[in-house]
Amino acid sequence: MTTSIDVVDGSTDSPYALTHLDALESEAVHIFREVAGEFERPVVLFSGGKDSIVMLHLALKAFAPSAIPFSLLHVDTGHNFPEVIEYRDRVVAQHGLRLHVASVQDYIDRGVLRERPDGTRNPLQTVPLTEAIQQHRFDAVFGGGRRDEEKARAKERVFSLRDEFSQWDPRRQRPELWQLYNGRHAPGEHVRVFPLSNWTELDVWQYIQRERIELPEIYFAHEREVFARNGMWLTAGDWGGPKDGETPEKRLIRYRTVGDMSCTGAVDSDATTLDAVIAEIAASRLTERGATRADDKLSEAAMEDRKREGYF
C-alpha cells in the first residue's frame, strides 16, 4: 500500500509558512523569553526612537497578557528632541511601565563629565549607562542595535558579553549556533542583548506599518529650522548650534534615526506617510547612521571604540 505525504515546501503559498516579518518577530519574541527565563534583572533600553519602540512592542507581545517582567532605562543627554521625550513618557504611562532615567546633565553638574567642544553629548552617555547598570545590578540589557547599521554592530552577537567595566571584547564573543544563546557570566559582568540584530531598517518600517505602531511625528516629513554642518542638516537649539557663519533655514525634512540633537542629522524628504517612508528607504543606498549620525564620523572605528568603552 502506498501512502501519500503532503510536503510543506516553505513557500508563501503554504498555510504553515512564515513571512520574513513573522520569522523576525518569532526570533525576537524567543530572545525576550529566553532572557526572562535565564537572567534575574533584565532591563530594556528605551529612548523613544523607532528601534526601541519596536523592541518594546515585541516585549509586550512576548509576555501578553501579562506585564513585561522588567523595567526600562533611558540615558538622557539633555539634548533630546522634545517630541521624542513626550512620546517616551506617554508610552511609559500608557502601559504602566517603570522607567529609570540616567541623566548626562546630572553628571556634568557634579563635575564627573565635561562638555565637549563640539557640543555633542552622545559620547558622554557611556558613564551614566554603565553606572546605572551597576547601581541597579542589571544582568541583561536589551538594546535596539541592528547589524545593518554599522560595521562594529555587524560583528556583534545577539548575546554580547560585557566585563565588570561594561567593556566589550570581540574576542570573547560566543558562537550562537541554532539560535542557542549562552548567557553565562561572572559576578559583575552582564550581557547586552540585541533582539533586532537580524532586522534591517526596511524590516523595521514594514513591521511598524503591519503592526500599526505609533511613532513620534519627527520620523515623518515636516517643516523645521535647520542649518548645514559637515554635510548634514542639524536642528538649531540651546546645545550650541548654529555657530557663526551657519545660517538657519526652514526646510521640509524628516529624521531616519533619532538621538542627541547635536549629532543627529535630518534628511530632505516629503514622505508624510508610512508608504512614502518605506519607498524612500527602499531606494536609499546609505545606512541611516552613515547618512545622519555625526558621532559615527569622528573616526573609522568610532562606534567600535565606544563599544569597547561600554557604549550601546
C-alpha atoms as a PDB file:
ATOM      1  CA  MET A   1       0.000   0.000   0.000  1.00  0.00           C
ATOM      2  CA  THR A   2       1.314   3.424  -0.929  1.00  0.00           C
ATOM      3  CA  THR A   3       0.830   6.359   1.452  1.00  0.00           C
ATOM      4  CA  SER A   4       0.979   9.912   0.105  1.00  0.00           C
ATOM      5  CA  ILE A   5       2.534  12.604   2.267  1.00  0.00           C
ATOM      6  CA  ASP A   6       1.958  16.320   1.743  1.00  0.00           C
ATOM      7  CA  VAL A   7       5.264  18.174   1.958  1.00  0.00           C
ATOM      8  CA  VAL A   8       5.327  21.739   3.187  1.00  0.00           C
ATOM      9  CA  ASP A   9       7.848  23.399   0.884  1.00  0.00           C
ATOM     10  CA  GLY A  10       8.221  26.669   2.816  1.00  0.00           C
ATOM     11  CA  SER A  11       6.733  28.794   0.043  1.00  0.00           C
ATOM     12  CA  THR A  12       4.412  31.637   0.977  1.00  0.00           C
ATOM     13  CA  ASP A  13       1.553  29.657  -0.626  1.00  0.00           C
ATOM     14  CA  SER A  14       1.703  27.184   2.254  1.00  0.00           C
ATOM     15  CA  PRO A  15      -0.651  27.903   5.182  1.00  0.00           C
ATOM     16  CA  TYR A  16       2.232  26.987   7.513  1.00  0.00           C
ATOM     17  CA  ALA A  17       4.839  29.320   6.007  1.00  0.00           C
ATOM     18  CA  LEU A  18       6.027  32.403   7.840  1.00  0.00           C
ATOM     19  CA  THR A  19       6.610  35.688   6.084  1.00  0.00           C
ATOM     20  CA  HIS A  20      10.040  37.211   6.690  1.00  0.00           C
ATOM     21  CA  LEU A  21       8.458  39.631   9.198  1.00  0.00           C
ATOM     22  CA  ASP A  22       6.801  36.717  11.027  1.00  0.00           C
ATOM     23  CA  ALA A  23      10.174  34.962  11.217  1.00  0.00           C
ATOM     24  CA  LEU A  24      11.935  38.061  12.564  1.00  0.00           C
ATOM     25  CA  GLU A  25       9.166  38.638  15.110  1.00  0.00           C
ATOM     26  CA  SER A  26       9.288  35.000  16.222  1.00  0.00           C
ATOM     27  CA  GLU A  27      13.059  35.175  16.704  1.00  0.00           C
ATOM     28  CA  ALA A  28      12.811  38.385  18.752  1.00  0.00           C
ATOM     29  CA  VAL A  29       9.998  37.023  20.942  1.00  0.00           C
ATOM     30  CA  HIS A  30      12.080  33.891  21.570  1.00  0.00           C
ATOM     31  CA  ILE A  31      15.046  36.066  22.625  1.00  0.00           C
ATOM     32  CA  PHE A  32      12.916  38.063  25.085  1.00  0.00           C
ATOM     33  CA  ARG A  33      11.518  34.897  26.648  1.00  0.00           C
ATOM     34  CA  GLU A  34      14.953  33.284  26.778  1.00  0.00           C
ATOM     35  CA  VAL A  35      16.350  36.268  28.692  1.00  0.00           C
ATOM     36  CA  ALA A  36      13.372  36.350  31.072  1.00  0.00           C
ATOM     37  CA  GLY A  37      13.993  32.714  31.942  1.00  0.00           C
ATOM     38  CA  GLU A  38      17.785  32.934  32.182  1.00  0.00           C
ATOM     39  CA  PHE A  39      18.520  36.260  33.905  1.00  0.00           C
ATOM     40  CA  GLU A  40      17.456  37.820  37.201  1.00  0.00           C
ATOM     41  CA  ARG A  41      17.355  41.582  36.479  1.00  0.00           C
ATOM     42  CA  PRO A  42      16.964  42.415  32.769  1.00  0.00           C
ATOM     43  CA  VAL A  43      16.245  45.950  31.552  1.00  0.00           C
ATOM     44  CA  VAL A  44      15.205  47.411  28.171  1.00  0.00           C
ATOM     45  CA  LEU A  45      16.977  50.496  26.821  1.00  0.00           C
ATOM     46  CA  PHE A  46      14.131  52.774  25.702  1.00  0.00           C
ATOM     47  CA  SER A  47      14.766  56.201  24.183  1.00  0.00           C
ATOM     48  CA  GLY A  48      11.563  56.741  22.214  1.00  0.00           C
ATOM     49  CA  GLY A  49      13.403  56.092  18.937  1.00  0.00           C
ATOM     50  CA  LYS A  50      11.856  53.750  16.369  1.00  0.00           C
ATOM     51  CA  ASP A  51      14.062  50.723  17.132  1.00  0.00           C
ATOM     52  CA  SER A  52      13.412  50.887  20.865  1.00  0.00           C
ATOM     53  CA  ILE A  53       9.695  51.393  20.132  1.00  0.00           C
ATOM     54  CA  VAL A  54       9.618  48.211  18.024  1.00  0.00           C
ATOM     55  CA  MET A  55      11.617  46.419  20.714  1.00  0.00           C
ATOM     56  CA  LEU A  56       9.112  47.420  23.395  1.00  0.00           C
ATOM     57  CA  HIS A  57       6.222  46.348  21.145  1.00  0.00           C
ATOM     58  CA  LEU A  58       7.850  42.920  20.757  1.00  0.00           C
ATOM     59  CA  ALA A  59       8.416  42.636  24.520  1.00  0.00           C
ATOM     60  CA  LEU A  60       4.754  43.433  25.181  1.00  0.00           C
ATOM     61  CA  LYS A  61       3.758  40.760  22.651  1.00  0.00           C
ATOM     62  CA  ALA A  62       6.163  38.217  24.119  1.00  0.00           C
ATOM     63  CA  PHE A  63       4.549  38.315  27.558  1.00  0.00           C
ATOM     64  CA  ALA A  64       0.933  39.298  26.815  1.00  0.00           C
ATOM     65  CA  PRO A  65      -1.472  39.310  28.533  1.00  0.00           C
ATOM     66  CA  SER A  66       0.924  39.649  31.486  1.00  0.00           C
ATOM     67  CA  ALA A  67       3.067  42.727  32.047  1.00  0.00           C
ATOM     68  CA  ILE A  68       6.652  42.611  30.825  1.00  0.00           C
ATOM     69  CA  PRO A  69       8.858  41.292  33.649  1.00  0.00           C
ATOM     70  CA  PHE A  70      11.480  44.038  33.511  1.00  0.00           C
ATOM     71  CA  SER A  71      11.823  47.807  33.597  1.00  0.00           C
ATOM     72  CA  LEU A  72      13.053  50.398  31.076  1.00  0.00           C
ATOM     73  CA  LEU A  73      16.217  52.519  31.100  1.00  0.00           C
ATOM     74  CA  HIS A  74      16.892  55.737  29.192  1.00  0.00           C
ATOM     75  CA  VAL A  75      20.213  57.594  29.148  1.00  0.00           C
ATOM     76  CA  ASP A  76      19.012  61.187  28.713  1.00  0.00           C
ATOM     77  CA  THR A  77      21.602  63.525  27.196  1.00  0.00           C
ATOM     78  CA  GLY A  78      19.514  66.625  27.920  1.00  0.00           C
ATOM     79  CA  HIS A  79      19.673  67.411  24.194  1.00  0.00           C
ATOM     80  CA  ASN A  80      16.901  65.077  23.092  1.00  0.00           C
ATOM     81  CA  PHE A  81      14.125  66.114  20.739  1.00  0.00           C
ATOM     82  CA  PRO A  82      11.111  67.283  22.812  1.00  0.00           C
ATOM     83  CA  GLU A  83       8.703  65.275  20.630  1.00  0.00           C
ATOM     84  CA  VAL A  84      10.587  62.074  21.441  1.00  0.00           C
ATOM     85  CA  ILE A  85      10.680  62.685  25.214  1.00  0.00           C
ATOM     86  CA  GLU A  86       6.944  63.453  25.187  1.00  0.00           C
ATOM     87  CA  TYR A  87       6.316  60.178  23.332  1.00  0.00           C
ATOM     88  CA  ARG A  88       8.550  58.231  25.746  1.00  0.00           C
ATOM     89  CA  ASP A  89       6.704  59.490  28.821  1.00  0.00           C
ATOM     90  CA  ARG A  90       3.283  58.904  27.257  1.00  0.00           C
ATOM     91  CA  VAL A  91       4.060  55.278  26.318  1.00  0.00           C
ATOM     92  CA  VAL A  92       5.508  54.542  29.769  1.00  0.00           C
ATOM     93  CA  ALA A  93       2.335  55.885  31.404  1.00  0.00           C
ATOM     94  CA  GLN A  94       0.045  54.102  28.919  1.00  0.00           C
ATOM     95  CA  HIS A  95       1.488  50.666  29.711  1.00  0.00           C
ATOM     96  CA  GLY A  96       2.206  51.274  33.391  1.00  0.00           C
ATOM     97  CA  LEU A  97       5.936  50.662  32.961  1.00  0.00           C
ATOM     98  CA  ARG A  98       8.792  51.515  35.282  1.00  0.00           C
ATOM     99  CA  LEU A  99      11.365  53.866  33.723  1.00  0.00           C
ATOM    100  CA  HIS A 100      14.861  54.585  35.061  1.00  0.00           C
ATOM    101  CA  VAL A 101      16.463  57.747  33.664  1.00  0.00           C
ATOM    102  CA  ALA A 102      20.227  58.260  33.806  1.00  0.00           C
ATOM    103  CA  SER A 103      20.876  61.965  33.150  1.00  0.00           C
ATOM    104  CA  VAL A 104      24.055  63.173  31.441  1.00  0.00           C
ATOM    105  CA  GLN A 105      23.276  66.682  32.734  1.00  0.00           C
ATOM    106  CA  ASP A 106      23.463  65.412  36.342  1.00  0.00           C
ATOM    107  CA  TYR A 107      26.974  64.091  35.693  1.00  0.00           C
ATOM    108  CA  ILE A 108      28.025  67.406  34.149  1.00  0.00           C
ATOM    109  CA  ASP A 109      26.579  69.361  37.087  1.00  0.00           C
ATOM    110  CA  ARG A 110      28.547  67.170  39.518  1.00  0.00           C
ATOM    111  CA  GLY A 111      31.770  67.633  37.569  1.00  0.00           C
ATOM    112  CA  VAL A 112      32.059  63.955  36.652  1.00  0.00           C
ATOM    113  CA  LEU A 113      31.730  64.725  32.930  1.00  0.00           C
ATOM    114  CA  ARG A 114      32.710  67.792  30.919  1.00  0.00           C
ATOM    115  CA  GLU A 115      31.009  69.263  27.872  1.00  0.00           C
ATOM    116  CA  ARG A 116      32.776  68.539  24.584  1.00  0.00           C
ATOM    117  CA  PRO A 117      33.948  71.437  22.379  1.00  0.00           C
ATOM    118  CA  ASP A 118      31.645  70.278  19.564  1.00  0.00           C
ATOM    119  CA  GLY A 119      28.608  70.328  21.896  1.00  0.00           C
ATOM    120  CA  THR A 120      27.613  66.703  21.275  1.00  0.00           C
ATOM    121  CA  ARG A 121      26.707  64.617  24.312  1.00  0.00           C
ATOM    122  CA  ASN A 122      26.252  61.225  22.659  1.00  0.00           C
ATOM    123  CA  PRO A 123      29.787  60.060  23.610  1.00  0.00           C
ATOM    124  CA  LEU A 124      29.059  61.176  27.193  1.00  0.00           C
ATOM    125  CA  GLN A 125      26.329  58.557  27.635  1.00  0.00           C
ATOM    126  CA  THR A 126      28.736  55.729  28.438  1.00  0.00           C
ATOM    127  CA  VAL A 127      29.455  56.639  32.086  1.00  0.00           C
ATOM    128  CA  PRO A 128      25.792  57.217  33.093  1.00  0.00           C
ATOM    129  CA  LEU A 129      24.826  53.984  31.322  1.00  0.00           C
ATOM    130  CA  THR A 130      27.472  51.802  32.946  1.00  0.00           C
ATOM    131  CA  GLU A 131      26.887  53.287  36.409  1.00  0.00           C
ATOM    132  CA  ALA A 132      23.099  52.773  36.096  1.00  0.00           C
ATOM    133  CA  ILE A 133      23.727  49.116  35.197  1.00  0.00           C
ATOM    134  CA  GLN A 134      25.993  48.698  38.233  1.00  0.00           C
ATOM    135  CA  GLN A 135      23.692  50.621  40.592  1.00  0.00           C
ATOM    136  CA  HIS A 136      20.586  48.603  39.722  1.00  0.00           C
ATOM    137  CA  ARG A 137      22.545  45.345  39.241  1.00  0.00           C
ATOM    138  CA  PHE A 138      21.089  44.719  35.788  1.00  0.00           C
ATOM    139  CA  ASP A 139      22.483  41.474  34.396  1.00  0.00           C
ATOM    140  CA  ALA A 140      20.936  41.680  30.913  1.00  0.00           C
ATOM    141  CA  VAL A 141      20.437  44.903  28.935  1.00  0.00           C
ATOM    142  CA  PHE A 142      18.268  44.873  25.804  1.00  0.00           C
ATOM    143  CA  GLY A 143      19.405  47.255  23.051  1.00  0.00           C
ATOM    144  CA  GLY A 144      17.890  48.060  19.655  1.00  0.00           C
ATOM    145  CA  GLY A 145      21.131  47.791  17.666  1.00  0.00           C
ATOM    146  CA  ARG A 146      20.953  46.140  14.240  1.00  0.00           C
ATOM    147  CA  ARG A 147      23.746  44.612  12.194  1.00  0.00           C
ATOM    148  CA  ASP A 148      22.880  46.607   9.076  1.00  0.00           C
ATOM    149  CA  GLU A 149      23.510  49.938  10.837  1.00  0.00           C
ATOM    150  CA  GLU A 150      27.271  49.961  11.199  1.00  0.00           C
ATOM    151  CA  LYS A 151      30.247  47.612  10.775  1.00  0.00           C
ATOM    152  CA  ALA A 152      31.023  47.317  14.515  1.00  0.00           C
ATOM    153  CA  ARG A 153      27.423  46.297  15.185  1.00  0.00           C
ATOM    154  CA  ALA A 154      27.556  43.872  12.262  1.00  0.00           C
ATOM    155  CA  LYS A 155      30.091  41.660  14.043  1.00  0.00           C
ATOM    156  CA  GLU A 156      28.429  41.662  17.479  1.00  0.00           C
ATOM    157  CA  ARG A 157      26.447  38.641  18.658  1.00  0.00           C
ATOM    158  CA  VAL A 158      22.816  38.670  19.826  1.00  0.00           C
ATOM    159  CA  PHE A 159      24.085  37.914  23.361  1.00  0.00           C
ATOM    160  CA  SER A 160      27.097  40.199  23.799  1.00  0.00           C
ATOM    161  CA  LEU A 161      29.121  39.640  26.979  1.00  0.00           C
ATOM    162  CA  ARG A 162      30.405  42.738  28.803  1.00  0.00           C
ATOM    163  CA  ASP A 163      33.003  42.593  31.559  1.00  0.00           C
ATOM    164  CA  GLU A 164      32.767  44.143  35.040  1.00  0.00           C
ATOM    165  CA  PHE A 165      33.626  47.537  33.496  1.00  0.00           C
ATOM    166  CA  SER A 166      30.887  47.122  30.809  1.00  0.00           C
ATOM    167  CA  GLN A 167      33.583  46.842  28.154  1.00  0.00           C
ATOM    168  CA  TRP A 168      33.197  44.740  25.010  1.00  0.00           C
ATOM    169  CA  ASP A 169      35.944  42.435  23.783  1.00  0.00           C
ATOM    170  CA  PRO A 170      35.163  40.997  20.327  1.00  0.00           C
ATOM    171  CA  ARG A 171      37.492  38.061  21.060  1.00  0.00           C
ATOM    172  CA  ARG A 172      35.227  36.895  23.906  1.00  0.00           C
ATOM    173  CA  GLN A 173      32.174  36.511  21.719  1.00  0.00           C
ATOM    174  CA  ARG A 174      30.461  33.148  21.825  1.00  0.00           C
ATOM    175  CA  PRO A 175      29.061  31.058  18.969  1.00  0.00           C
ATOM    176  CA  GLU A 176      25.273  31.136  18.585  1.00  0.00           C
ATOM    177  CA  LEU A 177      24.580  28.034  16.524  1.00  0.00           C
ATOM    178  CA  TRP A 178      20.935  27.031  16.004  1.00  0.00           C
ATOM    179  CA  GLN A 179      19.794  30.093  17.989  1.00  0.00           C
ATOM    180  CA  LEU A 180      21.250  28.690  21.208  1.00  0.00           C
ATOM    181  CA  TYR A 181      22.284  31.625  23.384  1.00  0.00           C
ATOM    182  CA  ASN A 182      24.830  31.407  26.186  1.00  0.00           C
ATOM    183  CA  GLY A 183      24.049  33.888  28.946  1.00  0.00           C
ATOM    184  CA  ARG A 184      26.599  32.653  31.484  1.00  0.00           C
ATOM    185  CA  HIS A 185      28.545  35.465  33.098  1.00  0.00           C
ATOM    186  CA  ALA A 186      30.697  36.049  36.146  1.00  0.00           C
ATOM    187  CA  PRO A 187      29.603  38.278  39.061  1.00  0.00           C
ATOM    188  CA  GLY A 188      29.821  41.926  37.994  1.00  0.00           C
ATOM    189  CA  GLU A 189      29.566  41.096  34.300  1.00  0.00           C
ATOM    190  CA  HIS A 190      26.404  41.469  32.247  1.00  0.00           C
ATOM    191  CA  VAL A 191      25.105  40.666  28.788  1.00  0.00           C
ATOM    192  CA  ARG A 192      23.870  43.126  26.178  1.00  0.00           C
ATOM    193  CA  VAL A 193      21.051  41.541  24.174  1.00  0.00           C
ATOM    194  CA  PHE A 194      20.029  42.638  20.662  1.00  0.00           C
ATOM    195  CA  PRO A 195      16.666  41.150  19.567  1.00  0.00           C
ATOM    196  CA  LEU A 196      16.687  43.213  16.339  1.00  0.00           C
ATOM    197  CA  SER A 197      20.188  42.146  15.242  1.00  0.00           C
ATOM    198  CA  ASN A 198      18.962  40.446  12.068  1.00  0.00           C
ATOM    199  CA  TRP A 199      16.479  43.175  11.113  1.00  0.00           C
ATOM    200  CA  THR A 200      17.151  45.877   8.520  1.00  0.00           C
ATOM    201  CA  GLU A 201      15.877  49.437   8.556  1.00  0.00           C
ATOM    202  CA  LEU A 202      13.353  48.434   5.896  1.00  0.00           C
ATOM    203  CA  ASP A 203      12.190  45.479   8.013  1.00  0.00           C
ATOM    204  CA  VAL A 204      11.624  47.819  10.964  1.00  0.00           C
ATOM    205  CA  TRP A 205       9.470  50.182   8.919  1.00  0.00           C
ATOM    206  CA  GLN A 206       7.493  47.396   7.268  1.00  0.00           C
ATOM    207  CA  TYR A 207       6.830  45.897  10.710  1.00  0.00           C
ATOM    208  CA  ILE A 208       5.738  49.289  12.056  1.00  0.00           C
ATOM    209  CA  GLN A 209       3.285  49.518   9.165  1.00  0.00           C
ATOM    210  CA  ARG A 210       1.981  45.979   9.633  1.00  0.00           C
ATOM    211  CA  GLU A 211       1.548  46.328  13.399  1.00  0.00           C
ATOM    212  CA  ARG A 212       0.227  49.908  13.161  1.00  0.00           C
ATOM    213  CA  ILE A 213       2.744  51.123  15.731  1.00  0.00           C
ATOM    214  CA  GLU A 214       2.554  54.804  16.601  1.00  0.00           C
ATOM    215  CA  LEU A 215       5.771  56.826  16.199  1.00  0.00           C
ATOM    216  CA  PRO A 216       6.855  60.361  17.108  1.00  0.00           C
ATOM    217  CA  GLU A 217       5.956  62.750  14.267  1.00  0.00           C
ATOM    218  CA  ILE A 218       9.634  63.614  13.868  1.00  0.00           C
ATOM    219  CA  TYR A 219      10.035  60.493  11.690  1.00  0.00           C
ATOM    220  CA  PHE A 220       7.751  61.965   9.025  1.00  0.00           C
ATOM    221  CA  ALA A 221       8.279  64.975   6.797  1.00  0.00           C
ATOM    222  CA  HIS A 222       7.687  68.321   8.485  1.00  0.00           C
ATOM    223  CA  GLU A 223       8.997  71.876   8.309  1.00  0.00           C
ATOM    224  CA  ARG A 224      11.827  72.601  10.752  1.00  0.00           C
ATOM    225  CA  GLU A 225      14.507  75.233  11.235  1.00  0.00           C
ATOM    226  CA  VAL A 226      17.849  73.580  10.482  1.00  0.00           C
ATOM    227  CA  PHE A 227      21.359  74.587   9.483  1.00  0.00           C
ATOM    228  CA  ALA A 228      24.106  72.876   7.492  1.00  0.00           C
ATOM    229  CA  ARG A 229      27.187  71.411   9.208  1.00  0.00           C
ATOM    230  CA  ASN A 230      29.574  68.813   7.786  1.00  0.00           C
ATOM    231  CA  GLY A 231      27.129  67.865   5.070  1.00  0.00           C
ATOM    232  CA  MET A 232      24.163  67.335   7.421  1.00  0.00           C
ATOM    233  CA  TRP A 233      21.088  69.320   8.417  1.00  0.00           C
ATOM    234  CA  LEU A 234      21.182  69.817  12.193  1.00  0.00           C
ATOM    235  CA  THR A 235      18.432  71.260  14.386  1.00  0.00           C
ATOM    236  CA  ALA A 236      19.037  74.704  15.858  1.00  0.00           C
ATOM    237  CA  GLY A 237      18.883  74.687  19.651  1.00  0.00           C
ATOM    238  CA  ASP A 238      20.424  75.544  23.006  1.00  0.00           C
ATOM    239  CA  TRP A 239      23.010  72.777  22.658  1.00  0.00           C
ATOM    240  CA  GLY A 240      25.376  75.078  20.739  1.00  0.00           C
ATOM    241  CA  GLY A 241      24.156  75.427  17.194  1.00  0.00           C
ATOM    242  CA  PRO A 242      24.286  77.226  14.921  1.00  0.00           C
ATOM    243  CA  LYS A 243      27.717  78.841  15.172  1.00  0.00           C
ATOM    244  CA  ASP A 244      28.873  81.995  13.426  1.00  0.00           C
ATOM    245  CA  GLY A 245      28.574  81.538   9.696  1.00  0.00           C
ATOM    246  CA  GLU A 246      25.947  78.792   9.980  1.00  0.00           C
ATOM    247  CA  THR A 247      22.636  80.215   8.790  1.00  0.00           C
ATOM    248  CA  PRO A 248      19.380  78.580   9.926  1.00  0.00           C
ATOM    249  CA  GLU A 249      16.726  77.993   7.307  1.00  0.00           C
ATOM    250  CA  LYS A 250      13.335  76.311   7.180  1.00  0.00           C
ATOM    251  CA  ARG A 251      13.288  73.077   5.195  1.00  0.00           C
ATOM    252  CA  LEU A 252      10.950  70.140   4.666  1.00  0.00           C
ATOM    253  CA  ILE A 253      12.808  67.301   6.410  1.00  0.00           C
ATOM    254  CA  ARG A 254      12.388  64.140   8.438  1.00  0.00           C
ATOM    255  CA  TYR A 255      14.645  62.008  10.664  1.00  0.00           C
ATOM    256  CA  ARG A 256      15.715  58.462   9.818  1.00  0.00           C
ATOM    257  CA  THR A 257      17.279  57.935  13.236  1.00  0.00           C
ATOM    258  CA  VAL A 258      16.831  59.918  16.440  1.00  0.00           C
ATOM    259  CA  GLY A 259      19.475  60.647  19.061  1.00  0.00           C
ATOM    260  CA  ASP A 260      21.152  63.693  20.529  1.00  0.00           C
ATOM    261  CA  MET A 261      20.130  66.858  18.608  1.00  0.00           C
ATOM    262  CA  SER A 262      23.775  67.884  18.328  1.00  0.00           C
ATOM    263  CA  CYS A 263      24.773  64.894  16.200  1.00  0.00           C
ATOM    264  CA  THR A 264      21.584  63.655  14.517  1.00  0.00           C
ATOM    265  CA  GLY A 265      21.115  64.970  11.013  1.00  0.00           C
ATOM    266  CA  ALA A 266      17.831  65.301   9.139  1.00  0.00           C
ATOM    267  CA  VAL A 267      17.243  64.311   5.533  1.00  0.00           C
ATOM    268  CA  ASP A 268      15.349  66.289   2.916  1.00  0.00           C
ATOM    269  CA  SER A 269      12.072  64.460   2.464  1.00  0.00           C
ATOM    270  CA  ASP A 270       8.422  64.887   1.551  1.00  0.00           C
ATOM    271  CA  ALA A 271       7.474  61.469   2.990  1.00  0.00           C
ATOM    272  CA  THR A 272       4.483  62.106   5.236  1.00  0.00           C
ATOM    273  CA  THR A 273       3.050  58.557   5.255  1.00  0.00           C
ATOM    274  CA  LEU A 274       4.388  55.092   6.055  1.00  0.00           C
ATOM    275  CA  ASP A 275       4.108  54.050   2.401  1.00  0.00           C
ATOM    276  CA  ALA A 276       6.193  57.048   1.330  1.00  0.00           C
ATOM    277  CA  VAL A 277       8.835  56.450   4.025  1.00  0.00           C
ATOM    278  CA  ILE A 278       9.145  52.771   3.059  1.00  0.00           C
ATOM    279  CA  ALA A 279       9.518  53.660  -0.623  1.00  0.00           C
ATOM    280  CA  GLU A 280      12.186  56.235   0.285  1.00  0.00           C
ATOM    281  CA  ILE A 281      14.187  53.752   2.387  1.00  0.00           C
ATOM    282  CA  ALA A 282      13.946  51.024  -0.245  1.00  0.00           C
ATOM    283  CA  ALA A 283      15.579  53.385  -2.750  1.00  0.00           C
ATOM    284  CA  SER A 284      18.311  54.589  -0.369  1.00  0.00           C
ATOM    285  CA  ARG A 285      21.907  53.361  -0.719  1.00  0.00           C
ATOM    286  CA  LEU A 286      23.154  54.815   2.583  1.00  0.00           C
ATOM    287  CA  THR A 287      22.537  53.365   6.028  1.00  0.00           C
ATOM    288  CA  GLU A 288      20.671  55.585   8.441  1.00  0.00           C
ATOM    289  CA  ARG A 289      23.683  56.066  10.716  1.00  0.00           C
ATOM    290  CA  GLY A 290      26.059  56.571   7.793  1.00  0.00           C
ATOM    291  CA  ALA A 291      23.834  59.299   6.404  1.00  0.00           C
ATOM    292  CA  THR A 292      22.736  61.116   9.546  1.00  0.00           C
ATOM    293  CA  ARG A 293      24.975  60.493  12.592  1.00  0.00           C
ATOM    294  CA  ALA A 294      27.907  62.854  13.134  1.00  0.00           C
ATOM    295  CA  ASP A 295      29.195  60.862  16.127  1.00  0.00           C
ATOM    296  CA  ASP A 296      29.929  57.892  13.846  1.00  0.00           C
ATOM    297  CA  LYS A 297      32.099  60.063  11.604  1.00  0.00           C
ATOM    298  CA  LEU A 298      34.655  61.015  14.257  1.00  0.00           C
ATOM    299  CA  SER A 299      36.882  58.171  13.027  1.00  0.00           C
ATOM    300  CA  GLU A 300      36.698  54.944  11.008  1.00  0.00           C
ATOM    301  CA  ALA A 301      36.401  52.978  14.253  1.00  0.00           C
ATOM    302  CA  ALA A 302      34.283  55.464  16.238  1.00  0.00           C
ATOM    303  CA  MET A 303      31.469  53.029  17.054  1.00  0.00           C
ATOM    304  CA  GLU A 304      33.774  50.126  17.915  1.00  0.00           C
ATOM    305  CA  ASP A 305      35.900  52.347  20.175  1.00  0.00           C
ATOM    306  CA  ARG A 306      32.792  53.439  22.093  1.00  0.00           C
ATOM    307  CA  LYS A 307      31.530  49.865  22.338  1.00  0.00           C
ATOM    308  CA  ARG A 308      34.824  48.784  23.871  1.00  0.00           C
ATOM    309  CA  GLU A 309      34.350  51.522  26.480  1.00  0.00           C
ATOM    310  CA  GLY A 310      30.829  50.371  27.361  1.00  0.00           C
ATOM    311  CA  TYR A 311      28.569  52.139  24.831  1.00  0.00           C
ATOM    312  CA  PHE A 312      25.411  50.507  23.434  1.00  0.00           C
END
